[in-house]
Every structure is written in C-alpha cells, then in structure tokens.
Amino acid sequence: MGYDVAAEIQRLKKEKNAVILAHYYEDGDIQDVADYVGDSFYLAKMGQEVQQDVILLAGVVFMAESVKILNPTKTVLVPDLEASCSLVKGAPYDQYLAWRRQHPDGVAVTYINSSAEVKSISDVIITSSNAQQIVESIPKDRKILFGPDQHLGRWLSKKLGREFELWQGACEVHVLFNAKRLHELIVQHPDAIVIAHPECDDSVLAHAQVIGSTSRLLEEVQKNPAKKFIVATEAGIFHQMQKLRPDVELIQAPVLDSGCLCNNCPYMKMNTMDKIKHALETLKPQVGLSEDLRLKAKTSLDRMMDITSGKPVTWPSQFSI
C-alpha cells in the first residue's frame, strides 16, 4: 500500500495547498508523509504559523481544535473525528466548570489534552514540554488548579514544591505501564537508560533517569551515548528515535498484562494513510468551532504562547462564570 498512497498524498498536498502536521504517536508511514512531526506544543506552534490554506492534523481531535483556535482562517482537517483522548473524555465541560466554581480564586492550569470547551474556562494551557515554565510564571501566592492529568500534575507539584488542586484524570495509555514488571526488565537490562513521560504513575516514574515530554525523550535518545533505552511512553515515538539513532536498542516499558511489551494509543492509531488521502481529496472531516467558543478558548492558549515566548501576562483575580 505504502508507496502509492504516500505518492498520492504528496500530490494532493500540492493540489490543495495543504500541509500535514503529525504527532510522534502516529504510525511511522504517517510521520514520514508529514511536513512537520512533533509533540503537542510544537504542533500548536506550527499550526499557528504555517501559510498553506489547508492544515491536516494527524493526531487527535483536541490538537486540531487548538490549531483552529489559533489559526481560524485555515481549513483544518482531521483524518477521523472519532480520534478523541481519554483525558478529554475524563474532563466533561459541566464537571470541570463545577470544579472551577468551587475554587474561584484559583488559577486553572489545563493540559492541552482537553476539549475546546474546557480550554474556554481555563486560565492557561500547558503541554508536558512547557508546563514547568508556565507554572513558575504563576505568582506563588495563587492556588493552582491542575487538570485533567493527575499524574503530570503530581509530578510537577513535587518537582516545583507547589501544592496543586488536582483533577483526577489520567491517560489510559500511560497508566498501563507497570512498575513491578519495569523493575524486572531493568534487572534484565542493567545497562539501559529508563526514560518516561510524566503522564505515567509515580511508581513508574520512580524508576526513570529521565522524565519529560515526547520531544524531551527524543532528545535524550539522540544525545545520550548509551546504546539501550527502556521507554515508558506510546510506541509511536520509536520511529523518530530509531531514525535519529539507528544504533540503539529501544525496549518498550512493560504493561500490566503478561506477555506483550506494547502500548499503543487507540485514538492515535485510528488515523491511517487512506483516511489522510480521503480527507485531502474531500476536505473532510473539518474541525469547526463557533466564534464565541474559539475566542474564549484562545485566551488560555494565548497565555501559553505569550509565556513561552517571554511576554508578560496578567492573571485574572477571580473566576466569574
């Protein structure tokens, strides 16, 4: 299938004046046909900056929503509108709003893995690659509400020595990694460097020498002279790691079930080369947001972009919706 579909996608990109952004968790053939491959922060930035008329986001729908919020005049496509996220599903707008209302003086720091509606009632959006910088910009006397990923929030809270009010959400992929089996794997491979995404449980992170976003983990594999890595994040990242370091052995951290050392995001894997081709042919499915919702959600994304580019921001003193 690969070559013909890939060639057709390249032709359609030119014909439709389209650009493809792909997340590291997509299959390798999708990453290879993309113009830009990266983590959620990088994709949001590139989505804001690209000049083409059509942006196809090969990832999950909340990523495409972020691009549409930041770059509203573009046609934003996704290969499959059902490609959601367990964190999005675990933070329904009504419940998140009620939580915010319980803590009206708190600063709501919301992971980008959230719906546009939830972003619209948040003060700032973070990704795992910029979370520390953004939290450090919040005055020390302000209460922090952190959602929807409790594991990322707990790790940050400990690292920065700040108390968070945590929303109890989790990534269904990263919580499957199992600390007991990871310890057994480390014993089998004492020369391996253990690297992990902060969405993993504390018990797994305790075994890791390096904890960070997908781009940070990729950087570690690229720059660390070690020849073996145990990787606790979604398996799609192996494609770029192997391209950068064909000499290293990459071992997926084990999950609770016996046997398979594999852990794939079912939502990311809903995207296929054929669906990408179809989306470019038909310019569907498109991601659309009402202008009212887009502008409300843009406020929290703008704060993220401003802080990460060194611009001063002001924080609302009270939540009033």
Protein backbone atom coordinates (compact mmCIF):
# COMPACT_ATOMS: atom_id res chain seq x y z
CA MET A 1 0.00 0.00 0.00
CA GLY A 2 2.63 2.46 1.30
CA TYR A 3 4.30 3.96 -1.75
CA ASP A 4 1.24 4.56 -3.92
CA VAL A 5 -0.80 6.11 -1.13
CA ALA A 6 2.15 8.21 0.01
CA ALA A 7 2.71 9.49 -3.53
CA GLU A 8 -0.98 10.32 -3.88
CA ILE A 9 -0.94 12.22 -0.57
CA GLN A 10 2.05 14.24 -1.76
CA ARG A 11 0.21 15.08 -4.98
CA LEU A 12 -2.93 16.10 -3.10
CA LYS A 13 -0.93 18.32 -0.73
CA LYS A 14 0.29 20.35 -3.69
CA GLU A 15 -3.10 20.40 -5.39
CA LYS A 16 -4.96 21.56 -2.27
CA ASN A 17 -2.18 23.81 -0.91
CA ALA A 18 -2.17 21.67 2.21
CA VAL A 19 0.32 20.91 4.98
CA ILE A 20 0.34 17.83 7.21
CA LEU A 21 1.20 18.04 10.90
CA ALA A 22 1.69 14.69 12.66
CA HIS A 23 2.21 13.70 16.27
CA TYR A 24 5.04 11.40 17.36
CA TYR A 25 2.47 8.75 18.36
CA GLU A 26 1.25 8.23 14.80
CA ASP A 27 2.42 5.24 12.75
CA GLY A 28 5.76 5.66 11.00
CA ASP A 29 4.31 5.89 7.48
CA ILE A 30 2.14 8.83 8.58
CA GLN A 31 5.09 10.56 10.23
CA ASP A 32 7.12 10.12 7.04
CA VAL A 33 4.47 11.76 4.83
CA ALA A 34 4.04 14.72 7.21
CA ASP A 35 5.66 18.11 6.74
CA TYR A 36 6.08 18.66 10.47
CA VAL A 37 6.29 16.00 13.19
CA GLY A 38 6.37 16.83 16.88
CA ASP A 39 4.74 16.96 20.29
CA SER A 40 1.50 18.81 21.02
CA PHE A 41 3.21 22.15 21.78
CA TYR A 42 5.25 22.07 18.58
CA LEU A 43 2.18 21.16 16.52
CA ALA A 44 0.19 24.04 18.05
CA LYS A 45 3.01 26.46 17.24
CA MET A 46 3.41 25.20 13.69
CA GLY A 47 -0.35 25.22 13.20
CA GLN A 48 -0.36 28.88 14.11
CA GLU A 49 2.50 29.73 11.75
CA VAL A 50 2.02 27.72 8.54
CA GLN A 51 0.90 29.60 5.46
CA GLN A 52 -0.93 26.88 3.49
CA ASP A 53 -4.71 27.13 3.09
CA VAL A 54 -5.37 23.64 4.44
CA ILE A 55 -3.90 22.10 7.60
CA LEU A 56 -4.35 18.37 8.17
CA LEU A 57 -3.60 17.35 11.75
CA ALA A 58 -2.70 13.68 12.02
CA GLY A 59 -3.15 13.24 15.73
CA VAL A 60 -6.18 13.51 17.98
CA VAL A 61 -9.03 15.97 17.63
CA PHE A 62 -8.10 18.27 20.54
CA MET A 63 -4.82 19.04 18.72
CA ALA A 64 -6.71 20.07 15.59
CA GLU A 65 -9.07 22.20 17.71
CA SER A 66 -6.04 24.02 19.13
CA VAL A 67 -4.81 24.76 15.61
CA LYS A 68 -8.26 26.06 14.58
CA ILE A 69 -8.42 28.26 17.70
CA LEU A 70 -5.02 29.79 16.91
CA ASN A 71 -5.38 29.94 13.10
CA PRO A 72 -9.11 30.36 12.38
CA THR A 73 -8.95 31.34 8.71
CA LYS A 74 -7.46 27.99 7.69
CA THR A 75 -9.35 24.84 6.77
CA VAL A 76 -8.35 22.37 9.49
CA LEU A 77 -8.83 18.67 8.75
CA VAL A 78 -8.52 15.51 10.81
CA PRO A 79 -8.42 12.01 9.33
CA ASP A 80 -11.01 10.73 11.85
CA LEU A 81 -13.32 12.82 14.05
CA GLU A 82 -13.62 9.88 16.46
CA ALA A 83 -9.93 10.17 17.39
CA SER A 84 -10.52 11.52 20.87
CA CYS A 85 -8.48 11.14 24.09
CA SER A 86 -9.17 9.55 27.46
CA LEU A 87 -8.16 12.81 29.17
CA VAL A 88 -10.69 14.78 27.10
CA LYS A 89 -13.40 12.24 27.84
CA GLY A 90 -12.49 12.25 31.52
CA ALA A 91 -12.96 16.01 31.89
CA PRO A 92 -16.50 16.88 30.73
CA TYR A 93 -17.19 20.62 30.48
CA ASP A 94 -20.01 20.71 33.06
CA GLN A 95 -17.97 18.88 35.69
CA TYR A 96 -14.84 20.94 35.02
CA LEU A 97 -16.90 24.12 35.29
CA ALA A 98 -18.33 22.99 38.65
CA TRP A 99 -14.78 22.25 39.85
CA ARG A 100 -13.62 25.71 38.79
CA ARG A 101 -16.53 27.31 40.61
CA GLN A 102 -15.52 25.53 43.81
CA HIS A 103 -12.17 27.34 43.68
CA PRO A 104 -12.94 30.76 42.13
CA ASP A 105 -9.68 32.32 43.33
CA GLY A 106 -7.51 29.57 41.80
CA VAL A 107 -5.51 29.76 38.57
CA ALA A 108 -6.76 26.98 36.29
CA VAL A 109 -3.78 25.36 34.58
CA THR A 110 -5.16 22.95 31.99
CA TYR A 111 -3.26 20.37 29.97
CA ILE A 112 -3.65 20.79 26.21
CA ASN A 113 -5.23 17.30 26.24
CA SER A 114 -8.64 18.88 26.82
CA SER A 115 -11.67 19.99 24.82
CA ALA A 116 -12.08 23.48 23.40
CA GLU A 117 -14.95 23.96 25.88
CA VAL A 118 -12.68 23.16 28.84
CA LYS A 119 -9.97 25.43 27.44
CA SER A 120 -12.57 28.22 27.34
CA ILE A 121 -12.91 28.12 31.16
CA SER A 122 -9.17 27.74 31.83
CA ASP A 123 -6.64 30.47 32.61
CA VAL A 124 -3.66 28.94 30.81
CA ILE A 125 -2.94 25.84 28.75
CA ILE A 126 0.22 23.80 29.24
CA THR A 127 1.89 20.90 27.49
CA SER A 128 4.32 18.48 29.09
CA SER A 129 7.19 20.31 27.37
CA ASN A 130 6.36 23.80 28.73
CA ALA A 131 4.46 23.01 31.96
CA GLN A 132 7.30 23.87 34.33
CA GLN A 133 7.98 27.24 32.68
CA ILE A 134 4.31 28.17 32.82
CA VAL A 135 3.69 27.09 36.42
CA GLU A 136 6.79 29.01 37.51
CA SER A 137 5.29 32.16 35.97
CA ILE A 138 2.24 32.00 38.27
CA PRO A 139 2.57 34.06 41.47
CA LYS A 140 3.48 31.88 44.46
CA ASP A 141 0.52 33.12 46.48
CA ARG A 142 -2.04 31.86 43.96
CA LYS A 143 -3.76 28.50 44.31
CA ILE A 144 -3.24 26.26 41.28
CA LEU A 145 -5.98 24.05 39.89
CA PHE A 146 -4.36 21.47 37.63
CA GLY A 147 -6.22 19.20 35.22
CA PRO A 148 -7.05 16.92 33.67
CA ASP A 149 -3.96 14.65 34.07
CA GLN A 150 -3.36 13.95 37.75
CA HIS A 151 -0.03 12.16 37.15
CA LEU A 152 1.53 15.03 35.23
CA GLY A 153 0.18 17.40 37.90
CA ARG A 154 1.53 15.32 40.80
CA TRP A 155 4.97 15.08 39.19
CA LEU A 156 5.06 18.85 38.60
CA SER A 157 3.81 19.60 42.10
CA LYS A 158 6.64 17.57 43.63
CA LYS A 159 9.26 18.92 41.25
CA LEU A 160 8.33 22.57 41.83
CA GLY A 161 7.39 22.27 45.50
CA ARG A 162 3.95 23.77 44.97
CA GLU A 163 0.62 22.43 46.11
CA PHE A 164 -1.91 21.73 43.36
CA GLU A 165 -5.61 21.00 43.48
CA LEU A 166 -5.68 18.03 41.08
CA TRP A 167 -8.41 16.92 38.71
CA GLN A 168 -8.45 13.11 38.84
CA GLY A 169 -7.98 12.31 35.15
CA ALA A 170 -5.42 10.02 33.55
CA CYS A 171 -4.13 8.90 30.16
CA GLU A 172 -5.36 5.37 29.51
CA VAL A 173 -2.12 4.53 27.71
CA HIS A 174 0.44 5.78 30.23
CA VAL A 175 -1.31 4.37 33.31
CA LEU A 176 -0.91 0.85 31.90
CA PHE A 177 2.85 0.82 32.43
CA ASN A 178 3.61 -1.46 35.37
CA ALA A 179 6.30 -0.65 37.94
CA LYS A 180 6.87 -4.25 39.09
CA ARG A 181 7.40 -5.54 35.56
CA LEU A 182 9.53 -2.48 34.76
CA HIS A 183 11.79 -3.30 37.71
CA GLU A 184 12.14 -6.87 36.42
CA LEU A 185 13.04 -5.54 32.97
CA ILE A 186 15.66 -3.19 34.45
CA VAL A 187 17.25 -6.16 36.23
CA GLN A 188 17.44 -7.96 32.86
CA HIS A 189 18.93 -4.86 31.18
CA PRO A 190 21.08 -3.07 33.79
CA ASP A 191 22.84 -1.09 31.05
CA ALA A 192 19.61 0.52 29.80
CA ILE A 193 18.60 4.12 30.44
CA VAL A 194 14.96 4.36 31.58
CA ILE A 195 13.08 7.32 30.11
CA ALA A 196 9.43 8.08 30.87
CA HIS A 197 6.63 10.51 30.11
CA PRO A 198 5.24 12.33 33.19
CA GLU A 199 1.72 11.02 32.44
CA CYS A 200 2.95 7.71 33.93
CA ASP A 201 2.16 6.76 37.51
CA ASP A 202 4.54 7.78 40.31
CA SER A 203 5.59 4.16 40.82
CA VAL A 204 6.83 4.00 37.20
CA LEU A 205 8.45 7.45 37.24
CA ALA A 206 10.45 6.40 40.32
CA HIS A 207 12.46 4.04 38.07
CA ALA A 208 13.23 6.63 35.37
CA GLN A 209 16.51 8.50 34.96
CA VAL A 210 14.86 10.98 32.58
CA ILE A 211 11.25 12.22 32.77
CA GLY A 212 9.89 14.54 30.11
CA SER A 213 7.70 15.26 27.11
CA THR A 214 7.93 13.23 23.93
CA SER A 215 10.32 15.80 22.45
CA ARG A 216 12.48 15.67 25.62
CA LEU A 217 12.64 11.87 25.48
CA LEU A 218 13.56 12.00 21.81
CA GLU A 219 16.33 14.49 22.61
CA GLU A 220 17.68 12.15 25.30
CA VAL A 221 17.94 9.24 22.89
CA GLN A 222 19.58 11.49 20.30
CA LYS A 223 22.22 12.95 22.65
CA ASN A 224 22.87 10.28 25.27
CA PRO A 225 25.68 7.95 24.12
CA ALA A 226 24.01 4.95 25.77
CA LYS A 227 23.15 2.08 23.44
CA LYS A 228 19.97 0.84 25.14
CA PHE A 229 16.83 2.62 26.35
CA ILE A 230 13.71 1.42 28.12
CA VAL A 231 10.95 3.78 27.01
CA ALA A 232 7.76 4.42 29.00
CA THR A 233 5.55 6.24 26.54
CA GLU A 234 3.44 5.44 23.47
CA ALA A 235 5.27 3.24 20.98
CA GLY A 236 4.90 5.62 18.02
CA ILE A 237 7.88 7.66 19.28
CA PHE A 238 10.18 4.73 18.43
CA HIS A 239 10.00 5.65 14.75
CA GLN A 240 11.75 9.00 15.19
CA MET A 241 14.11 7.62 17.84
CA GLN A 242 15.27 4.88 15.50
CA LYS A 243 15.72 7.35 12.64
CA LEU A 244 17.92 9.54 14.80
CA ARG A 245 19.81 6.67 16.45
CA PRO A 246 19.70 3.52 14.31
CA ASP A 247 22.47 2.10 16.52
CA VAL A 248 20.41 1.93 19.74
CA GLU A 249 18.19 -0.80 21.14
CA LEU A 250 14.77 0.52 22.18
CA ILE A 251 12.69 -1.52 24.62
CA GLN A 252 9.09 -0.62 25.39
CA ALA A 253 8.38 -0.44 29.11
CA PRO A 254 6.05 -3.29 30.11
CA VAL A 255 2.35 -3.00 30.82
CA LEU A 256 0.38 -4.91 33.44
CA ASP A 257 -0.83 -7.69 31.14
CA SER A 258 1.63 -10.52 30.80
CA GLY A 259 3.37 -11.16 27.51
CA CYS A 260 3.32 -8.23 25.08
CA LEU A 261 5.65 -5.29 25.68
CA CYS A 262 3.46 -2.98 23.62
CA ASN A 263 1.31 0.03 24.41
CA ASN A 264 -0.45 1.94 21.63
CA CYS A 265 -2.89 4.84 21.90
CA PRO A 266 -6.08 3.52 20.27
CA TYR A 267 -7.14 7.06 19.29
CA MET A 268 -3.86 7.97 17.56
CA LYS A 269 -3.95 4.67 15.70
CA MET A 270 -7.41 5.44 14.28
CA ASN A 271 -5.62 7.62 11.71
CA THR A 272 -4.45 5.81 8.59
CA MET A 273 -2.82 6.73 5.29
CA ASP A 274 -6.07 6.00 3.45
CA LYS A 275 -8.03 8.31 5.78
CA ILE A 276 -5.47 11.07 5.25
CA LYS A 277 -5.77 10.68 1.48
CA HIS A 278 -9.57 10.76 1.70
CA ALA A 279 -9.53 13.87 3.91
CA LEU A 280 -7.32 15.72 1.42
CA GLU A 281 -9.49 14.62 -1.51
CA THR A 282 -12.78 15.70 0.08
CA LEU A 283 -11.54 18.38 2.54
CA LYS A 284 -13.50 16.49 5.18
CA PRO A 285 -13.84 15.97 8.08
CA GLN A 286 -13.20 19.56 9.10
CA VAL A 287 -12.80 20.86 12.63
CA GLY A 288 -15.14 23.77 13.25
CA LEU A 289 -15.81 25.89 16.33
CA SER A 290 -18.24 28.70 16.98
CA GLU A 291 -16.50 32.07 17.06
CA ASP A 292 -17.67 32.67 20.62
CA LEU A 293 -16.14 29.40 21.84
CA ARG A 294 -12.98 29.92 19.79
CA LEU A 295 -12.32 33.36 21.29
CA LYS A 296 -12.94 32.15 24.85
CA ALA A 297 -10.59 29.19 24.36
CA LYS A 298 -7.99 31.36 22.65
CA THR A 299 -7.39 33.38 25.82
CA SER A 300 -5.83 30.41 27.64
CA LEU A 301 -3.82 29.29 24.59
CA ASP A 302 -2.57 32.85 24.03
CA ARG A 303 -1.27 32.93 27.61
CA MET A 304 0.66 29.73 26.92
CA MET A 305 2.17 31.20 23.77
CA ASP A 306 2.98 34.51 25.48
CA ILE A 307 4.69 32.93 28.49
CA THR A 308 6.76 30.55 26.36
CA SER A 309 7.90 33.46 24.17
CA GLY A 310 8.85 35.60 27.17
CA LYS A 311 5.98 38.09 27.06
CA PRO A 312 4.41 39.37 30.30
CA VAL A 313 0.91 38.16 31.16
CA THR A 314 -1.75 39.18 33.65
CA TRP A 315 -3.75 36.68 35.68
CA PRO A 316 -7.44 37.14 36.44
CA SER A 317 -8.03 37.54 40.18
CA GLN A 318 -11.32 35.65 40.22
CA PHE A 319 -13.25 33.16 38.12
CA SER A 320 -16.71 34.53 37.48
CA ILE A 321 -18.64 32.35 35.00
